[in-house]
N, C-alpha and C. Protein backbone atom coordinates (compact mmCIF):
# COMPACT_ATOMS: atom_id res chain seq x y z
N MET A 1 11.68 -30.58 23.60
CA MET A 1 11.74 -29.14 23.39
C MET A 1 10.96 -28.80 22.13
N GLN A 2 10.16 -27.77 22.23
CA GLN A 2 9.39 -27.30 21.08
C GLN A 2 10.32 -26.52 20.13
N VAL A 3 10.17 -26.75 18.84
CA VAL A 3 11.02 -26.08 17.86
C VAL A 3 10.74 -24.58 17.87
N ASN A 4 11.83 -23.81 18.00
CA ASN A 4 11.72 -22.35 17.96
C ASN A 4 12.57 -21.83 16.80
N GLY A 5 12.61 -20.52 16.67
CA GLY A 5 13.34 -19.90 15.56
C GLY A 5 14.83 -20.18 15.56
N THR A 6 15.41 -20.20 16.74
CA THR A 6 16.85 -20.47 16.85
C THR A 6 17.16 -21.88 16.36
N LEU A 7 16.38 -22.85 16.80
CA LEU A 7 16.60 -24.23 16.36
C LEU A 7 16.42 -24.36 14.85
N MET A 8 15.40 -23.71 14.32
CA MET A 8 15.16 -23.76 12.87
C MET A 8 16.37 -23.17 12.13
N ASN A 9 16.84 -22.04 12.59
CA ASN A 9 17.99 -21.38 11.97
C ASN A 9 19.22 -22.28 12.05
N TYR A 10 19.49 -22.81 13.24
CA TYR A 10 20.67 -23.66 13.44
C TYR A 10 20.60 -24.93 12.60
N TYR A 11 19.40 -25.45 12.39
CA TYR A 11 19.24 -26.67 11.60
C TYR A 11 19.84 -26.51 10.21
N PHE A 12 19.75 -25.32 9.67
CA PHE A 12 20.31 -25.07 8.35
C PHE A 12 21.81 -24.79 8.39
N HIS A 13 22.28 -24.23 9.48
CA HIS A 13 23.72 -23.99 9.63
C HIS A 13 24.46 -25.30 9.83
N CYS A 14 23.96 -26.05 10.84
CA CYS A 14 24.70 -27.23 11.27
C CYS A 14 23.80 -28.07 12.18
N LYS A 15 23.63 -29.33 11.81
CA LYS A 15 22.78 -30.22 12.62
C LYS A 15 23.35 -30.38 14.02
N ARG A 16 24.67 -30.38 14.14
CA ARG A 16 25.32 -30.51 15.45
C ARG A 16 24.98 -29.30 16.33
N GLN A 17 25.09 -28.11 15.77
CA GLN A 17 24.76 -26.88 16.50
C GLN A 17 23.30 -26.91 16.94
N CYS A 18 22.41 -27.33 16.06
CA CYS A 18 20.99 -27.43 16.37
C CYS A 18 20.77 -28.42 17.52
N TYR A 19 21.40 -29.56 17.42
CA TYR A 19 21.26 -30.60 18.45
C TYR A 19 21.75 -30.11 19.81
N LEU A 20 22.95 -29.55 19.83
CA LEU A 20 23.53 -29.09 21.10
C LEU A 20 22.69 -28.00 21.75
N HIS A 21 22.23 -27.08 20.94
CA HIS A 21 21.36 -26.02 21.48
C HIS A 21 20.03 -26.61 21.95
N GLY A 22 19.53 -27.57 21.20
CA GLY A 22 18.26 -28.20 21.52
C GLY A 22 18.27 -29.00 22.80
N ILE A 23 19.44 -29.57 23.15
CA ILE A 23 19.54 -30.30 24.42
C ILE A 23 20.00 -29.37 25.54
N ARG A 24 19.94 -28.08 25.25
CA ARG A 24 20.20 -27.01 26.21
C ARG A 24 21.67 -26.88 26.63
N LEU A 25 22.56 -27.20 25.70
CA LEU A 25 23.97 -26.90 25.93
C LEU A 25 24.20 -25.53 25.31
N ASN A 26 24.19 -24.49 26.13
CA ASN A 26 24.26 -23.12 25.64
C ASN A 26 25.67 -22.58 25.78
N LEU A 27 26.32 -22.39 24.67
CA LEU A 27 27.66 -21.79 24.66
C LEU A 27 27.64 -20.41 24.01
N GLU A 28 26.46 -19.90 23.75
CA GLU A 28 26.33 -18.64 23.03
C GLU A 28 26.75 -17.43 23.84
N ASP A 29 26.71 -17.53 25.17
CA ASP A 29 27.10 -16.39 26.00
C ASP A 29 28.56 -16.01 25.81
N ASN A 30 29.37 -16.94 25.32
CA ASN A 30 30.80 -16.68 25.10
C ASN A 30 31.11 -16.25 23.67
N SER A 31 30.11 -16.22 22.81
CA SER A 31 30.33 -15.96 21.39
C SER A 31 30.30 -14.46 21.07
N GLU A 32 31.35 -14.00 20.44
CA GLU A 32 31.42 -12.59 20.04
C GLU A 32 30.36 -12.26 19.00
N SER A 33 30.13 -13.16 18.06
CA SER A 33 29.10 -12.93 17.03
C SER A 33 27.72 -12.81 17.64
N VAL A 34 27.41 -13.65 18.62
CA VAL A 34 26.11 -13.60 19.28
C VAL A 34 25.97 -12.28 20.05
N LYS A 35 27.05 -11.86 20.71
CA LYS A 35 27.01 -10.59 21.45
C LYS A 35 26.76 -9.41 20.51
N ILE A 36 27.38 -9.44 19.34
CA ILE A 36 27.17 -8.37 18.36
C ILE A 36 25.72 -8.38 17.88
N GLY A 37 25.19 -9.57 17.59
CA GLY A 37 23.80 -9.69 17.16
C GLY A 37 22.83 -9.16 18.21
N LYS A 38 23.08 -9.48 19.47
CA LYS A 38 22.22 -8.99 20.55
C LYS A 38 22.30 -7.47 20.68
N ALA A 39 23.50 -6.93 20.52
CA ALA A 39 23.67 -5.48 20.60
C ALA A 39 22.91 -4.78 19.46
N LEU A 40 22.95 -5.36 18.27
CA LEU A 40 22.21 -4.80 17.13
C LEU A 40 20.71 -4.83 17.40
N HIS A 41 20.22 -5.91 17.99
CA HIS A 41 18.80 -6.00 18.33
C HIS A 41 18.42 -4.94 19.37
N GLU A 42 19.26 -4.76 20.37
CA GLU A 42 18.97 -3.77 21.40
C GLU A 42 18.93 -2.37 20.81
N GLU A 43 19.87 -2.08 19.90
CA GLU A 43 19.90 -0.77 19.25
C GLU A 43 18.64 -0.55 18.43
N LYS A 44 18.23 -1.57 17.69
CA LYS A 44 17.02 -1.48 16.87
C LYS A 44 15.77 -1.34 17.75
N GLU A 45 15.76 -2.04 18.89
CA GLU A 45 14.63 -1.97 19.82
C GLU A 45 14.38 -0.54 20.29
N MET A 46 15.46 0.18 20.54
CA MET A 46 15.33 1.56 21.01
C MET A 46 14.67 2.45 19.97
N LYS A 47 14.82 2.09 18.69
CA LYS A 47 14.28 2.90 17.60
C LYS A 47 12.87 2.49 17.20
N MET A 48 12.48 1.27 17.50
CA MET A 48 11.18 0.76 17.06
C MET A 48 10.23 0.60 18.24
N ALA A 49 9.05 1.17 18.13
CA ALA A 49 8.03 1.03 19.17
C ALA A 49 7.43 -0.36 19.16
N ASP A 50 7.44 -1.02 18.01
CA ASP A 50 6.81 -2.33 17.87
C ASP A 50 7.84 -3.46 17.91
N SER A 51 8.91 -3.26 18.70
CA SER A 51 9.98 -4.24 18.71
C SER A 51 9.69 -5.41 19.63
N GLU A 52 10.44 -6.42 19.48
CA GLU A 52 10.41 -7.72 20.12
C GLU A 52 9.14 -8.08 20.87
N ILE A 53 8.46 -9.04 20.30
CA ILE A 53 7.21 -9.55 20.84
C ILE A 53 7.41 -11.04 21.10
N GLU A 54 7.03 -11.49 22.29
CA GLU A 54 7.17 -12.90 22.63
C GLU A 54 5.83 -13.59 22.47
N ILE A 55 5.83 -14.68 21.68
CA ILE A 55 4.63 -15.50 21.49
C ILE A 55 5.06 -16.94 21.75
N GLY A 56 4.61 -17.47 22.86
CA GLY A 56 5.00 -18.83 23.22
C GLY A 56 6.50 -18.95 23.37
N ASN A 57 7.10 -19.84 22.57
CA ASN A 57 8.53 -20.08 22.68
C ASN A 57 9.36 -19.31 21.64
N VAL A 58 8.76 -18.31 20.99
CA VAL A 58 9.51 -17.52 20.01
C VAL A 58 9.44 -16.04 20.33
N LYS A 59 10.48 -15.34 19.90
CA LYS A 59 10.53 -13.88 20.05
C LYS A 59 10.63 -13.27 18.66
N LEU A 60 9.67 -12.42 18.34
CA LEU A 60 9.65 -11.74 17.06
C LEU A 60 10.35 -10.40 17.22
N ASP A 61 11.19 -10.04 16.26
CA ASP A 61 11.91 -8.77 16.34
C ASP A 61 10.97 -7.58 16.18
N GLY A 62 9.95 -7.74 15.35
CA GLY A 62 9.02 -6.64 15.15
C GLY A 62 7.78 -7.12 14.40
N LEU A 63 6.68 -6.43 14.64
CA LEU A 63 5.43 -6.77 13.99
C LEU A 63 4.72 -5.47 13.65
N THR A 64 4.49 -5.27 12.36
CA THR A 64 3.75 -4.08 11.91
C THR A 64 2.40 -4.55 11.37
N SER A 65 1.60 -3.62 10.89
CA SER A 65 0.30 -4.00 10.34
C SER A 65 0.45 -4.83 9.07
N LYS A 66 1.62 -4.81 8.43
CA LYS A 66 1.84 -5.54 7.19
C LYS A 66 2.89 -6.66 7.31
N TYR A 67 3.90 -6.44 8.15
CA TYR A 67 5.04 -7.35 8.17
C TYR A 67 5.39 -7.88 9.56
N LEU A 68 5.90 -9.12 9.52
CA LEU A 68 6.64 -9.65 10.64
C LEU A 68 8.10 -9.37 10.28
N VAL A 69 8.80 -8.64 11.11
CA VAL A 69 10.16 -8.19 10.80
C VAL A 69 11.16 -9.01 11.60
N GLU A 70 12.16 -9.53 10.92
CA GLU A 70 13.26 -10.25 11.56
C GLU A 70 14.55 -9.55 11.16
N ILE A 71 15.35 -9.20 12.16
CA ILE A 71 16.60 -8.48 11.93
C ILE A 71 17.77 -9.44 12.11
N LYS A 72 18.66 -9.46 11.14
CA LYS A 72 19.84 -10.31 11.19
C LYS A 72 21.09 -9.45 11.04
N LYS A 73 22.14 -9.88 11.72
CA LYS A 73 23.41 -9.17 11.66
C LYS A 73 23.95 -9.14 10.23
N SER A 74 23.91 -10.31 9.58
CA SER A 74 24.42 -10.35 8.21
C SER A 74 23.60 -11.29 7.35
N ASP A 75 23.85 -11.23 6.07
CA ASP A 75 23.15 -12.08 5.12
C ASP A 75 23.94 -13.35 4.81
N ALA A 76 24.73 -13.80 5.77
CA ALA A 76 25.60 -14.96 5.56
C ALA A 76 24.81 -16.23 5.25
N ASP A 77 23.62 -16.36 5.82
CA ASP A 77 22.82 -17.56 5.56
C ASP A 77 21.35 -17.17 5.41
N VAL A 78 21.01 -16.68 4.24
CA VAL A 78 19.66 -16.20 3.96
C VAL A 78 18.66 -17.35 4.04
N GLU A 79 19.06 -18.53 3.60
CA GLU A 79 18.15 -19.68 3.61
C GLU A 79 17.71 -20.02 5.04
N ALA A 80 18.64 -20.04 5.96
CA ALA A 80 18.32 -20.32 7.37
C ALA A 80 17.39 -19.25 7.93
N SER A 81 17.68 -18.00 7.61
CA SER A 81 16.85 -16.88 8.07
C SER A 81 15.45 -16.96 7.48
N LYS A 82 15.37 -17.37 6.22
CA LYS A 82 14.08 -17.50 5.54
C LYS A 82 13.20 -18.52 6.25
N TRP A 83 13.76 -19.67 6.59
CA TRP A 83 12.96 -20.71 7.24
C TRP A 83 12.62 -20.33 8.67
N GLN A 84 13.48 -19.59 9.31
CA GLN A 84 13.17 -19.09 10.65
C GLN A 84 11.95 -18.17 10.61
N ILE A 85 11.94 -17.24 9.67
CA ILE A 85 10.81 -16.31 9.59
C ILE A 85 9.55 -17.02 9.10
N LEU A 86 9.70 -18.05 8.26
CA LEU A 86 8.53 -18.84 7.85
C LEU A 86 7.91 -19.55 9.06
N LEU A 87 8.74 -20.04 9.96
CA LEU A 87 8.23 -20.64 11.19
C LEU A 87 7.41 -19.62 11.97
N TYR A 88 7.93 -18.41 12.09
CA TYR A 88 7.22 -17.35 12.82
C TYR A 88 5.89 -17.00 12.13
N LEU A 89 5.92 -16.95 10.80
CA LEU A 89 4.70 -16.64 10.05
C LEU A 89 3.63 -17.72 10.28
N LYS A 90 4.09 -18.97 10.36
CA LYS A 90 3.15 -20.07 10.60
C LYS A 90 2.57 -19.97 12.02
N ILE A 91 3.39 -19.65 12.99
CA ILE A 91 2.91 -19.50 14.37
C ILE A 91 1.88 -18.39 14.44
N LEU A 92 2.16 -17.28 13.77
CA LEU A 92 1.19 -16.17 13.73
C LEU A 92 -0.10 -16.61 13.03
N LYS A 93 0.04 -17.31 11.91
CA LYS A 93 -1.13 -17.77 11.15
C LYS A 93 -2.01 -18.66 12.03
N ASN A 94 -1.38 -19.54 12.82
CA ASN A 94 -2.13 -20.42 13.71
C ASN A 94 -2.87 -19.64 14.80
N LYS A 95 -2.44 -18.41 15.04
CA LYS A 95 -3.11 -17.54 16.02
C LYS A 95 -4.10 -16.59 15.33
N GLY A 96 -4.25 -16.77 14.00
CA GLY A 96 -5.19 -15.94 13.25
C GLY A 96 -4.62 -14.62 12.75
N VAL A 97 -3.31 -14.47 12.80
CA VAL A 97 -2.65 -13.24 12.36
C VAL A 97 -1.88 -13.55 11.07
N ILE A 98 -2.27 -12.91 9.99
CA ILE A 98 -1.63 -13.14 8.69
C ILE A 98 -0.73 -11.94 8.37
N ARG A 99 0.53 -12.22 8.11
CA ARG A 99 1.50 -11.19 7.75
C ARG A 99 2.43 -11.72 6.67
N GLU A 100 3.14 -10.83 6.06
CA GLU A 100 4.26 -11.15 5.18
C GLU A 100 5.53 -11.06 6.02
N GLY A 101 6.58 -11.71 5.58
CA GLY A 101 7.84 -11.65 6.30
C GLY A 101 8.79 -10.65 5.68
N LYS A 102 9.55 -9.99 6.53
CA LYS A 102 10.52 -9.01 6.06
C LYS A 102 11.82 -9.25 6.83
N LEU A 103 12.83 -9.74 6.11
CA LEU A 103 14.16 -9.95 6.68
C LEU A 103 15.01 -8.71 6.42
N GLU A 104 15.55 -8.14 7.48
CA GLU A 104 16.43 -6.98 7.34
C GLU A 104 17.83 -7.37 7.77
N PHE A 105 18.79 -7.19 6.87
CA PHE A 105 20.18 -7.51 7.15
C PHE A 105 20.97 -6.23 7.40
N VAL A 106 21.63 -6.16 8.55
CA VAL A 106 22.41 -4.98 8.89
C VAL A 106 23.64 -4.90 7.99
N GLU A 107 24.31 -6.04 7.81
CA GLU A 107 25.48 -6.12 6.92
C GLU A 107 25.09 -6.97 5.72
N LYS A 108 25.33 -6.46 4.53
CA LYS A 108 25.05 -7.28 3.35
C LYS A 108 26.37 -7.64 2.67
N ASN A 109 26.61 -8.92 2.58
CA ASN A 109 27.83 -9.42 1.97
C ASN A 109 27.54 -10.22 0.71
N LYS A 110 26.45 -10.99 0.74
CA LYS A 110 26.15 -11.88 -0.37
C LYS A 110 24.93 -11.43 -1.18
N GLN A 111 24.08 -10.65 -0.59
CA GLN A 111 22.85 -10.20 -1.25
C GLN A 111 23.08 -8.81 -1.87
N ALA A 112 22.33 -8.51 -2.91
CA ALA A 112 22.42 -7.20 -3.54
C ALA A 112 21.66 -6.16 -2.72
N LYS A 113 20.73 -6.62 -1.89
CA LYS A 113 19.94 -5.69 -1.10
C LYS A 113 19.93 -6.15 0.36
N ASN A 114 19.55 -5.25 1.26
CA ASN A 114 19.56 -5.61 2.67
C ASN A 114 18.18 -5.95 3.22
N ILE A 115 17.19 -6.07 2.36
CA ILE A 115 15.84 -6.50 2.77
C ILE A 115 15.37 -7.60 1.83
N VAL A 116 14.88 -8.68 2.42
CA VAL A 116 14.32 -9.79 1.66
C VAL A 116 12.91 -10.03 2.18
N TYR A 117 11.95 -10.18 1.27
CA TYR A 117 10.56 -10.42 1.65
C TYR A 117 10.25 -11.91 1.50
N VAL A 118 9.46 -12.42 2.44
CA VAL A 118 9.15 -13.84 2.50
C VAL A 118 7.64 -14.01 2.69
N SER A 119 7.05 -14.97 1.97
CA SER A 119 5.63 -15.27 2.12
C SER A 119 5.44 -16.73 2.48
N LEU A 120 4.47 -17.00 3.31
CA LEU A 120 4.14 -18.37 3.71
C LEU A 120 3.12 -18.94 2.71
N SER A 121 3.60 -19.80 1.83
CA SER A 121 2.72 -20.45 0.86
C SER A 121 2.36 -21.85 1.38
N GLU A 122 1.39 -22.48 0.74
CA GLU A 122 1.03 -23.86 1.12
C GLU A 122 2.21 -24.79 0.96
N GLU A 123 2.95 -24.59 -0.14
CA GLU A 123 4.10 -25.46 -0.43
C GLU A 123 5.19 -25.34 0.63
N ASN A 124 5.58 -24.10 0.96
CA ASN A 124 6.66 -24.00 1.95
C ASN A 124 6.16 -24.27 3.36
N GLU A 125 4.85 -24.17 3.59
CA GLU A 125 4.31 -24.55 4.90
C GLU A 125 4.41 -26.07 5.09
N LYS A 126 4.16 -26.84 4.01
CA LYS A 126 4.33 -28.30 4.08
C LYS A 126 5.80 -28.65 4.30
N GLN A 127 6.70 -27.96 3.60
CA GLN A 127 8.13 -28.21 3.78
C GLN A 127 8.56 -27.84 5.20
N LEU A 128 8.00 -26.76 5.72
CA LEU A 128 8.29 -26.33 7.08
C LEU A 128 7.89 -27.41 8.08
N ASP A 129 6.73 -28.02 7.89
CA ASP A 129 6.29 -29.11 8.76
C ASP A 129 7.29 -30.27 8.72
N ASP A 130 7.82 -30.56 7.53
CA ASP A 130 8.84 -31.62 7.41
C ASP A 130 10.10 -31.25 8.20
N TYR A 131 10.54 -30.00 8.08
CA TYR A 131 11.72 -29.56 8.81
C TYR A 131 11.49 -29.63 10.33
N ILE A 132 10.32 -29.23 10.78
CA ILE A 132 10.00 -29.30 12.21
C ILE A 132 10.09 -30.75 12.69
N ASN A 133 9.52 -31.68 11.92
CA ASN A 133 9.60 -33.10 12.27
C ASN A 133 11.04 -33.60 12.29
N GLU A 134 11.85 -33.17 11.32
CA GLU A 134 13.25 -33.57 11.27
C GLU A 134 14.02 -33.05 12.48
N ILE A 135 13.74 -31.82 12.89
CA ILE A 135 14.41 -31.25 14.06
C ILE A 135 13.99 -31.99 15.33
N GLU A 136 12.70 -32.26 15.45
CA GLU A 136 12.22 -33.01 16.61
C GLU A 136 12.87 -34.39 16.68
N ASP A 137 13.00 -35.07 15.54
CA ASP A 137 13.67 -36.38 15.49
C ASP A 137 15.14 -36.25 15.85
N LEU A 138 15.79 -35.22 15.35
CA LEU A 138 17.21 -34.98 15.64
C LEU A 138 17.43 -34.84 17.15
N LEU A 139 16.55 -34.10 17.81
CA LEU A 139 16.72 -33.85 19.24
C LEU A 139 16.47 -35.08 20.11
N LEU A 140 15.84 -36.09 19.55
CA LEU A 140 15.57 -37.33 20.29
C LEU A 140 16.71 -38.34 20.18
N ARG A 141 17.66 -38.07 19.32
CA ARG A 141 18.78 -39.00 19.12
C ARG A 141 19.71 -39.01 20.35
N ASP A 142 20.40 -40.13 20.50
CA ASP A 142 21.35 -40.27 21.60
C ASP A 142 22.75 -39.80 21.21
N GLU A 143 23.03 -39.77 19.92
CA GLU A 143 24.36 -39.39 19.45
C GLU A 143 24.38 -37.97 18.92
N VAL A 144 25.47 -37.28 19.22
CA VAL A 144 25.69 -35.92 18.72
C VAL A 144 26.05 -36.02 17.24
N PRO A 145 25.42 -35.23 16.37
CA PRO A 145 25.79 -35.25 14.94
C PRO A 145 27.26 -34.90 14.73
N VAL A 146 27.79 -35.33 13.61
CA VAL A 146 29.21 -35.14 13.31
C VAL A 146 29.56 -33.66 13.07
N VAL A 147 30.82 -33.34 13.26
CA VAL A 147 31.35 -32.00 13.01
C VAL A 147 31.38 -31.76 11.50
N LEU A 148 31.01 -30.55 11.07
CA LEU A 148 30.99 -30.22 9.65
C LEU A 148 32.37 -29.98 9.05
N ASN A 149 33.26 -29.39 9.83
CA ASN A 149 34.59 -28.99 9.34
C ASN A 149 34.52 -28.04 8.16
N LYS A 150 33.76 -26.97 8.33
CA LYS A 150 33.65 -25.92 7.31
C LYS A 150 34.28 -24.64 7.84
N PRO A 151 34.67 -23.74 6.95
CA PRO A 151 35.26 -22.47 7.40
C PRO A 151 34.34 -21.69 8.36
N THR A 152 33.03 -21.82 8.19
CA THR A 152 32.10 -21.10 9.05
C THR A 152 32.14 -21.60 10.49
N CYS A 153 32.67 -22.79 10.71
CA CYS A 153 32.75 -23.35 12.07
C CYS A 153 33.57 -22.45 13.00
N LYS A 154 34.54 -21.74 12.45
CA LYS A 154 35.41 -20.89 13.27
C LYS A 154 34.65 -19.75 13.94
N LYS A 155 33.51 -19.36 13.38
CA LYS A 155 32.72 -18.27 13.93
C LYS A 155 31.59 -18.76 14.83
N CYS A 156 31.43 -20.07 14.95
CA CYS A 156 30.31 -20.66 15.68
C CYS A 156 30.54 -20.60 17.19
N ALA A 157 29.46 -20.39 17.93
CA ALA A 157 29.53 -20.38 19.39
C ALA A 157 29.96 -21.73 19.95
N TYR A 158 29.76 -22.80 19.18
CA TYR A 158 30.10 -24.15 19.64
C TYR A 158 31.47 -24.62 19.15
N TYR A 159 32.26 -23.72 18.60
CA TYR A 159 33.58 -24.07 18.05
C TYR A 159 34.45 -24.79 19.08
N GLU A 160 34.53 -24.25 20.26
CA GLU A 160 35.38 -24.86 21.29
C GLU A 160 34.89 -26.24 21.66
N TYR A 161 33.59 -26.43 21.71
CA TYR A 161 33.03 -27.75 22.02
C TYR A 161 33.46 -28.77 20.96
N CYS A 162 33.40 -28.37 19.71
CA CYS A 162 33.67 -29.28 18.60
C CYS A 162 35.15 -29.53 18.35
N TYR A 163 36.00 -28.55 18.64
CA TYR A 163 37.40 -28.65 18.20
C TYR A 163 38.44 -28.62 19.31
N ILE A 164 38.05 -28.24 20.51
CA ILE A 164 39.08 -28.11 21.56
C ILE A 164 38.83 -29.10 22.67
């Protein structure tokens, strides 16, 4: 499976979640958090003419003349969101389209602001390549990664798989 934004995001949340999603075990249809996120995207789509663009195996929330826009329900994991949008920026760059990244958080809990700007530098592009290789290696393993046992696990779409 080719690394997409969801896998990149999940890699930072939980290697187990990334692995399970990567081997196509989809439990997200039962997740209330995922349903809320999809509803927020649909609402935003109705307001934006330049909403959701599909390029290969990724879906971009929005693309303007200046920004690649990614919309997130909350700022619970800014680092994961940052690397997801960096992946998208690299995919665009490889197609000859250069943009800056703009993360928009509907709910802000940890950040002082609800917009974070991201740029694809040479340094983070090299780190991104390392993460892509790590994810590809993870998906080739025969064993499911261990359960994290963190409070955030209770909100995960894979909670029942891991604990019940």
